[in-house]
């Protein structure tokens, strides 16, 4: 095949191949999910190694461990969604790549927002920072999907756009609920994210 001025072969699909985007995304998700464990700290100054002291120390870490698990599985769910979305793409373009890069910025902030909850347990502002982080992440996933599917710009024929539109809005909707609960004074507002698997289960199937 002949080469065009931009280096691609004549007859090749427009846009950019998606493999490098997937490689970058996989790497950043892997690093962010690994860094989450740093939010779990062993309290310093424990001089009594008795079983009761260790048990009390572990019990004090339960909120931090809960948020570690919550963030880990939410990031895992986002990674799965990204994998599914990438399978629907024929190729990417510059705008899509920039949306993806900004989305990854919010992914790398998740370990920070989880650590903030661990450092300030029960503080509403810490929960709101975490929830706003996930709200931004969810909205960028939705924007990425909406951009790719507008007039079927980047996706394969036959892609179930309607079902995808419903699924990408679940995390933003739950995040808004969690933020409102936090503003109302509920210190365990992040428990709202337990709704996500339930909502996903009862979404209507695609056609």
C-alpha atoms as a PDB file:
ATOM      1  CA  UNK A   1       0.000   0.000   0.000  1.00  0.00           C
ATOM      2  CA  UNK A   2       1.076   3.586  -0.584  1.00  0.00           C
ATOM      3  CA  UNK A   3       1.997   5.790   2.337  1.00  0.00           C
ATOM      4  CA  UNK A   4       0.218   9.054   3.086  1.00  0.00           C
ATOM      5  CA  UNK A   5       1.964  12.216   4.267  1.00  0.00           C
ATOM      6  CA  UNK A   6       1.171  11.367   7.911  1.00  0.00           C
ATOM      7  CA  UNK A   7       2.957   8.024   7.615  1.00  0.00           C
ATOM      8  CA  UNK A   8      -0.122   5.807   7.525  1.00  0.00           C
ATOM      9  CA  UNK A   9      -0.927   3.516   4.660  1.00  0.00           C
ATOM     10  CA  UNK A  10      -3.501   4.527   2.089  1.00  0.00           C
ATOM     11  CA  UNK A  11      -6.760   2.741   2.851  1.00  0.00           C
ATOM     12  CA  UNK A  12      -5.995   2.399   6.557  1.00  0.00           C
ATOM     13  CA  UNK A  13      -8.834   3.445   8.903  1.00  0.00           C
ATOM     14  CA  UNK A  14      -8.762   7.093  10.025  1.00  0.00           C
ATOM     15  CA  UNK A  15      -7.618   8.041  13.512  1.00  0.00           C
ATOM     16  CA  UNK A  16      -5.089   6.294  15.725  1.00  0.00           C
ATOM     17  CA  UNK A  17      -4.730   2.625  16.653  1.00  0.00           C
ATOM     18  CA  UNK A  18      -5.918   1.913  20.189  1.00  0.00           C
ATOM     19  CA  UNK A  19      -3.164  -0.415  21.453  1.00  0.00           C
ATOM     20  CA  UNK A  20      -0.926   2.308  22.904  1.00  0.00           C
ATOM     21  CA  UNK A  21      -3.877   3.944  24.695  1.00  0.00           C
ATOM     22  CA  UNK A  22      -4.786   0.569  26.209  1.00  0.00           C
ATOM     23  CA  UNK A  23      -1.182  -0.036  27.319  1.00  0.00           C
ATOM     24  CA  UNK A  24      -0.954   3.364  29.033  1.00  0.00           C
ATOM     25  CA  UNK A  25      -4.363   2.927  30.665  1.00  0.00           C
ATOM     26  CA  UNK A  26      -3.569  -0.581  31.922  1.00  0.00           C
ATOM     27  CA  UNK A  27      -0.294   0.613  33.436  1.00  0.00           C
ATOM     28  CA  UNK A  28      -1.817   3.578  35.251  1.00  0.00           C
ATOM     29  CA  UNK A  29      -4.720   1.533  36.605  1.00  0.00           C
ATOM     30  CA  UNK A  30      -2.254  -1.108  37.857  1.00  0.00           C
ATOM     31  CA  UNK A  31      -0.109   1.513  39.617  1.00  0.00           C
ATOM     32  CA  UNK A  32      -3.102   3.310  41.157  1.00  0.00           C
ATOM     33  CA  UNK A  33      -4.619   0.057  42.436  1.00  0.00           C
ATOM     34  CA  UNK A  34      -1.265  -0.927  43.955  1.00  0.00           C
ATOM     35  CA  UNK A  35      -0.759   2.460  45.639  1.00  0.00           C
ATOM     36  CA  UNK A  36      -4.121   2.104  47.393  1.00  0.00           C
ATOM     37  CA  UNK A  37      -2.524  -0.227  49.936  1.00  0.00           C
ATOM     38  CA  UNK A  38      -0.436   2.697  51.210  1.00  0.00           C
ATOM     39  CA  UNK A  39      -3.627   4.077  52.750  1.00  0.00           C
ATOM     40  CA  UNK A  40      -3.383   1.263  55.323  1.00  0.00           C
ATOM     41  CA  UNK A  41      -1.016   2.338  58.096  1.00  0.00           C
ATOM     42  CA  UNK A  42       0.114   0.373  61.134  1.00  0.00           C
ATOM     43  CA  UNK A  43      -0.142   2.825  64.064  1.00  0.00           C
ATOM     44  CA  UNK A  44       3.231   3.713  65.534  1.00  0.00           C
ATOM     45  CA  UNK A  45       4.062   3.420  69.201  1.00  0.00           C
ATOM     46  CA  UNK A  46       2.501   0.041  69.981  1.00  0.00           C
ATOM     47  CA  UNK A  47       4.653  -1.302  72.819  1.00  0.00           C
ATOM     48  CA  UNK A  48       2.319  -4.032  74.003  1.00  0.00           C
ATOM     49  CA  UNK A  49       2.322  -6.867  71.415  1.00  0.00           C
ATOM     50  CA  UNK A  50      -0.459  -8.731  73.170  1.00  0.00           C
ATOM     51  CA  UNK A  51      -3.306 -10.208  71.193  1.00  0.00           C
ATOM     52  CA  UNK A  52      -5.799  -7.741  72.644  1.00  0.00           C
ATOM     53  CA  UNK A  53      -3.682  -4.761  71.598  1.00  0.00           C
ATOM     54  CA  UNK A  54      -3.187  -6.074  68.072  1.00  0.00           C
ATOM     55  CA  UNK A  55      -6.904  -6.866  67.797  1.00  0.00           C
ATOM     56  CA  UNK A  56      -7.803  -3.345  68.921  1.00  0.00           C
ATOM     57  CA  UNK A  57      -5.302  -1.903  66.440  1.00  0.00           C
ATOM     58  CA  UNK A  58      -6.798  -3.941  63.582  1.00  0.00           C
ATOM     59  CA  UNK A  59     -10.301  -2.935  64.627  1.00  0.00           C
ATOM     60  CA  UNK A  60      -9.286   0.729  64.462  1.00  0.00           C
ATOM     61  CA  UNK A  61      -8.164   0.139  60.873  1.00  0.00           C
ATOM     62  CA  UNK A  62     -11.503  -1.269  59.713  1.00  0.00           C
ATOM     63  CA  UNK A  63     -12.759   2.030  58.197  1.00  0.00           C
ATOM     64  CA  UNK A  64      -9.501   2.460  56.277  1.00  0.00           C
ATOM     65  CA  UNK A  65      -9.617  -1.169  55.133  1.00  0.00           C
ATOM     66  CA  UNK A  66     -13.227  -0.730  54.016  1.00  0.00           C
ATOM     67  CA  UNK A  67     -12.320   2.301  51.899  1.00  0.00           C
ATOM     68  CA  UNK A  68      -9.282   0.469  50.506  1.00  0.00           C
ATOM     69  CA  UNK A  69     -11.497  -2.413  49.346  1.00  0.00           C
ATOM     70  CA  UNK A  70     -14.158  -0.017  48.067  1.00  0.00           C
ATOM     71  CA  UNK A  71     -11.675   1.998  45.998  1.00  0.00           C
ATOM     72  CA  UNK A  72      -9.880  -1.121  44.744  1.00  0.00           C
ATOM     73  CA  UNK A  73     -13.032  -2.724  43.407  1.00  0.00           C
ATOM     74  CA  UNK A  74     -14.365   0.544  41.994  1.00  0.00           C
ATOM     75  CA  UNK A  75     -11.104   1.034  40.091  1.00  0.00           C
ATOM     76  CA  UNK A  76     -11.268  -2.605  38.985  1.00  0.00           C
ATOM     77  CA  UNK A  77     -14.803  -1.985  37.725  1.00  0.00           C
ATOM     78  CA  UNK A  78     -13.679   1.125  35.846  1.00  0.00           C
ATOM     79  CA  UNK A  79     -10.841  -0.869  34.279  1.00  0.00           C
ATOM     80  CA  UNK A  80     -13.292  -3.540  33.138  1.00  0.00           C
ATOM     81  CA  UNK A  81     -15.580  -0.854  31.688  1.00  0.00           C
ATOM     82  CA  UNK A  82     -12.615   0.679  29.882  1.00  0.00           C
ATOM     83  CA  UNK A  83     -11.686  -2.748  28.505  1.00  0.00           C
ATOM     84  CA  UNK A  84     -15.241  -3.287  27.255  1.00  0.00           C
ATOM     85  CA  UNK A  85     -15.355   0.194  25.712  1.00  0.00           C
ATOM     86  CA  UNK A  86     -12.010  -0.354  23.973  1.00  0.00           C
ATOM     87  CA  UNK A  87     -13.356  -3.575  22.456  1.00  0.00           C
ATOM     88  CA  UNK A  88     -16.153  -1.539  20.871  1.00  0.00           C
ATOM     89  CA  UNK A  89     -13.725   0.938  19.268  1.00  0.00           C
ATOM     90  CA  UNK A  90     -12.572   0.692  15.686  1.00  0.00           C
ATOM     91  CA  UNK A  91      -9.850   3.251  16.378  1.00  0.00           C
ATOM     92  CA  UNK A  92      -9.302   6.435  18.414  1.00  0.00           C
ATOM     93  CA  UNK A  93      -8.647  10.054  17.559  1.00  0.00           C
ATOM     94  CA  UNK A  94      -6.841  12.946  19.224  1.00  0.00           C
ATOM     95  CA  UNK A  95      -9.886  14.219  21.129  1.00  0.00           C
ATOM     96  CA  UNK A  96     -10.698  10.769  22.482  1.00  0.00           C
ATOM     97  CA  UNK A  97      -7.084  10.335  23.624  1.00  0.00           C
ATOM     98  CA  UNK A  98      -7.138  13.632  25.518  1.00  0.00           C
ATOM     99  CA  UNK A  99     -10.390  12.705  27.266  1.00  0.00           C
ATOM    100  CA  UNK A 100      -8.747   9.414  28.207  1.00  0.00           C
ATOM    101  CA  UNK A 101      -5.658  11.205  29.562  1.00  0.00           C
ATOM    102  CA  UNK A 102      -7.740  13.536  31.746  1.00  0.00           C
ATOM    103  CA  UNK A 103      -9.704  10.511  32.950  1.00  0.00           C
ATOM    104  CA  UNK A 104      -6.420   8.865  33.966  1.00  0.00           C
ATOM    105  CA  UNK A 105      -5.584  12.001  35.966  1.00  0.00           C
ATOM    106  CA  UNK A 106      -8.613  11.261  38.143  1.00  0.00           C
ATOM    107  CA  UNK A 107      -7.571   7.599  38.389  1.00  0.00           C
ATOM    108  CA  UNK A 108      -4.192   8.609  39.842  1.00  0.00           C
ATOM    109  CA  UNK A 109      -5.956  10.837  42.396  1.00  0.00           C
ATOM    110  CA  UNK A 110      -7.922   7.934  43.904  1.00  0.00           C
ATOM    111  CA  UNK A 111      -5.044   6.727  46.176  1.00  0.00           C
ATOM    112  CA  UNK A 112      -4.747  10.290  47.518  1.00  0.00           C
ATOM    113  CA  UNK A 113      -8.475  10.652  48.210  1.00  0.00           C
ATOM    114  CA  UNK A 114      -8.554   7.237  49.917  1.00  0.00           C
ATOM    115  CA  UNK A 115      -5.555   8.190  52.083  1.00  0.00           C
ATOM    116  CA  UNK A 116      -7.369  11.397  53.036  1.00  0.00           C
ATOM    117  CA  UNK A 117     -10.290   9.373  54.378  1.00  0.00           C
ATOM    118  CA  UNK A 118      -7.819   7.201  56.296  1.00  0.00           C
ATOM    119  CA  UNK A 119      -6.124  10.239  57.829  1.00  0.00           C
ATOM    120  CA  UNK A 120      -9.413  11.957  58.693  1.00  0.00           C
ATOM    121  CA  UNK A 121     -11.899   9.162  59.443  1.00  0.00           C
ATOM    122  CA  UNK A 122     -15.424  10.332  60.010  1.00  0.00           C
ATOM    123  CA  UNK A 123     -14.725  13.785  58.569  1.00  0.00           C
ATOM    124  CA  UNK A 124     -17.299  14.800  56.001  1.00  0.00           C
ATOM    125  CA  UNK A 125     -14.902  16.856  53.904  1.00  0.00           C
ATOM    126  CA  UNK A 126     -12.639  13.807  53.402  1.00  0.00           C
ATOM    127  CA  UNK A 127     -15.583  11.714  52.190  1.00  0.00           C
ATOM    128  CA  UNK A 128     -16.663  14.484  49.821  1.00  0.00           C
ATOM    129  CA  UNK A 129     -13.175  14.711  48.290  1.00  0.00           C
ATOM    130  CA  UNK A 130     -13.289  10.945  47.614  1.00  0.00           C
ATOM    131  CA  UNK A 131     -16.809  11.151  46.188  1.00  0.00           C
ATOM    132  CA  UNK A 132     -15.997  14.154  43.981  1.00  0.00           C
ATOM    133  CA  UNK A 133     -12.954  12.237  42.730  1.00  0.00           C
ATOM    134  CA  UNK A 134     -15.186   9.326  41.683  1.00  0.00           C
ATOM    135  CA  UNK A 135     -17.803  11.702  40.277  1.00  0.00           C
ATOM    136  CA  UNK A 136     -15.204  13.303  38.015  1.00  0.00           C
ATOM    137  CA  UNK A 137     -13.876   9.902  36.996  1.00  0.00           C
ATOM    138  CA  UNK A 138     -17.350   8.625  36.184  1.00  0.00           C
ATOM    139  CA  UNK A 139     -18.290  11.736  34.199  1.00  0.00           C
ATOM    140  CA  UNK A 140     -15.126  11.481  32.124  1.00  0.00           C
ATOM    141  CA  UNK A 141     -15.865   7.828  31.361  1.00  0.00           C
ATOM    142  CA  UNK A 142     -19.341   8.916  30.278  1.00  0.00           C
ATOM    143  CA  UNK A 143     -17.935  11.771  28.163  1.00  0.00           C
ATOM    144  CA  UNK A 144     -15.475   9.393  26.527  1.00  0.00           C
ATOM    145  CA  UNK A 145     -18.234   6.949  25.643  1.00  0.00           C
ATOM    146  CA  UNK A 146     -20.604   9.663  24.414  1.00  0.00           C
ATOM    147  CA  UNK A 147     -17.873  11.141  22.227  1.00  0.00           C
ATOM    148  CA  UNK A 148     -16.971   7.762  20.734  1.00  0.00           C
ATOM    149  CA  UNK A 149     -20.591   6.827  20.005  1.00  0.00           C
ATOM    150  CA  UNK A 150     -21.831  10.185  18.686  1.00  0.00           C
ATOM    151  CA  UNK A 151     -22.916   9.395  15.133  1.00  0.00           C
ATOM    152  CA  UNK A 152     -21.012   6.115  15.714  1.00  0.00           C
ATOM    153  CA  UNK A 153     -17.846   8.167  15.294  1.00  0.00           C
ATOM    154  CA  UNK A 154     -15.366   5.585  16.631  1.00  0.00           C
ATOM    155  CA  UNK A 155     -17.317   2.427  17.438  1.00  0.00           C
ATOM    156  CA  UNK A 156     -18.000  -0.727  15.479  1.00  0.00           C
ATOM    157  CA  UNK A 157     -21.378  -1.132  13.731  1.00  0.00           C
ATOM    158  CA  UNK A 158     -23.889  -2.930  15.917  1.00  0.00           C
ATOM    159  CA  UNK A 159     -22.569  -1.486  19.206  1.00  0.00           C
ATOM    160  CA  UNK A 160     -25.343  -1.251  21.805  1.00  0.00           C
ATOM    161  CA  UNK A 161     -25.023   2.483  22.483  1.00  0.00           C
ATOM    162  CA  UNK A 162     -28.191   2.763  24.571  1.00  0.00           C
ATOM    163  CA  UNK A 163     -27.066   0.189  27.112  1.00  0.00           C
ATOM    164  CA  UNK A 164     -23.619   1.747  27.284  1.00  0.00           C
ATOM    165  CA  UNK A 165     -25.159   5.176  27.924  1.00  0.00           C
ATOM    166  CA  UNK A 166     -27.077   3.763  30.882  1.00  0.00           C
ATOM    167  CA  UNK A 167     -24.099   1.986  32.429  1.00  0.00           C
ATOM    168  CA  UNK A 168     -21.641   4.878  32.258  1.00  0.00           C
ATOM    169  CA  UNK A 169     -24.017   7.076  34.263  1.00  0.00           C
ATOM    170  CA  UNK A 170     -24.349   4.724  37.252  1.00  0.00           C
ATOM    171  CA  UNK A 171     -21.197   5.839  39.110  1.00  0.00           C
ATOM    172  CA  UNK A 172     -21.855   9.575  38.561  1.00  0.00           C
ATOM    173  CA  UNK A 173     -25.438   9.152  39.820  1.00  0.00           C
ATOM    174  CA  UNK A 174     -24.324   7.213  42.918  1.00  0.00           C
ATOM    175  CA  UNK A 175     -21.562   9.775  43.535  1.00  0.00           C
ATOM    176  CA  UNK A 176     -24.105  12.601  43.551  1.00  0.00           C
ATOM    177  CA  UNK A 177     -26.213  10.643  46.054  1.00  0.00           C
ATOM    178  CA  UNK A 178     -23.140  10.052  48.239  1.00  0.00           C
ATOM    179  CA  UNK A 179     -22.162  13.742  48.146  1.00  0.00           C
ATOM    180  CA  UNK A 180     -25.687  14.792  49.133  1.00  0.00           C
ATOM    181  CA  UNK A 181     -25.652  12.294  52.013  1.00  0.00           C
ATOM    182  CA  UNK A 182     -22.281  13.664  53.168  1.00  0.00           C
ATOM    183  CA  UNK A 183     -23.558  17.242  53.007  1.00  0.00           C
ATOM    184  CA  UNK A 184     -26.538  16.116  55.093  1.00  0.00           C
ATOM    185  CA  UNK A 185     -24.084  14.978  57.773  1.00  0.00           C
ATOM    186  CA  UNK A 186     -23.973  11.230  57.174  1.00  0.00           C
ATOM    187  CA  UNK A 187     -20.355  10.225  57.921  1.00  0.00           C
ATOM    188  CA  UNK A 188     -20.703   6.850  56.144  1.00  0.00           C
ATOM    189  CA  UNK A 189     -21.928   8.375  52.902  1.00  0.00           C
ATOM    190  CA  UNK A 190     -19.454   6.261  50.897  1.00  0.00           C
ATOM    191  CA  UNK A 191     -21.642   3.238  51.697  1.00  0.00           C
ATOM    192  CA  UNK A 192     -23.869   4.478  48.876  1.00  0.00           C
ATOM    193  CA  UNK A 193     -21.399   2.906  46.436  1.00  0.00           C
ATOM    194  CA  UNK A 194     -22.690  -0.499  47.517  1.00  0.00           C
ATOM    195  CA  UNK A 195     -25.673   0.347  45.309  1.00  0.00           C
ATOM    196  CA  UNK A 196     -23.591   0.056  42.139  1.00  0.00           C
ATOM    197  CA  UNK A 197     -23.695  -3.766  41.710  1.00  0.00           C
ATOM    198  CA  UNK A 198     -27.430  -3.737  42.491  1.00  0.00           C
ATOM    199  CA  UNK A 199     -28.177  -1.018  39.937  1.00  0.00           C
ATOM    200  CA  UNK A 200     -26.024  -2.717  37.304  1.00  0.00           C
ATOM    201  CA  UNK A 201     -27.844  -5.987  37.860  1.00  0.00           C
ATOM    202  CA  UNK A 202     -31.270  -4.459  37.255  1.00  0.00           C
ATOM    203  CA  UNK A 203     -30.432  -2.345  34.258  1.00  0.00           C
ATOM    204  CA  UNK A 204     -32.453  -3.447  31.224  1.00  0.00           C
ATOM    205  CA  UNK A 205     -30.513  -5.729  28.876  1.00  0.00           C
ATOM    206  CA  UNK A 206     -29.219  -4.370  25.611  1.00  0.00           C
ATOM    207  CA  UNK A 207     -30.931  -5.108  22.329  1.00  0.00           C
END
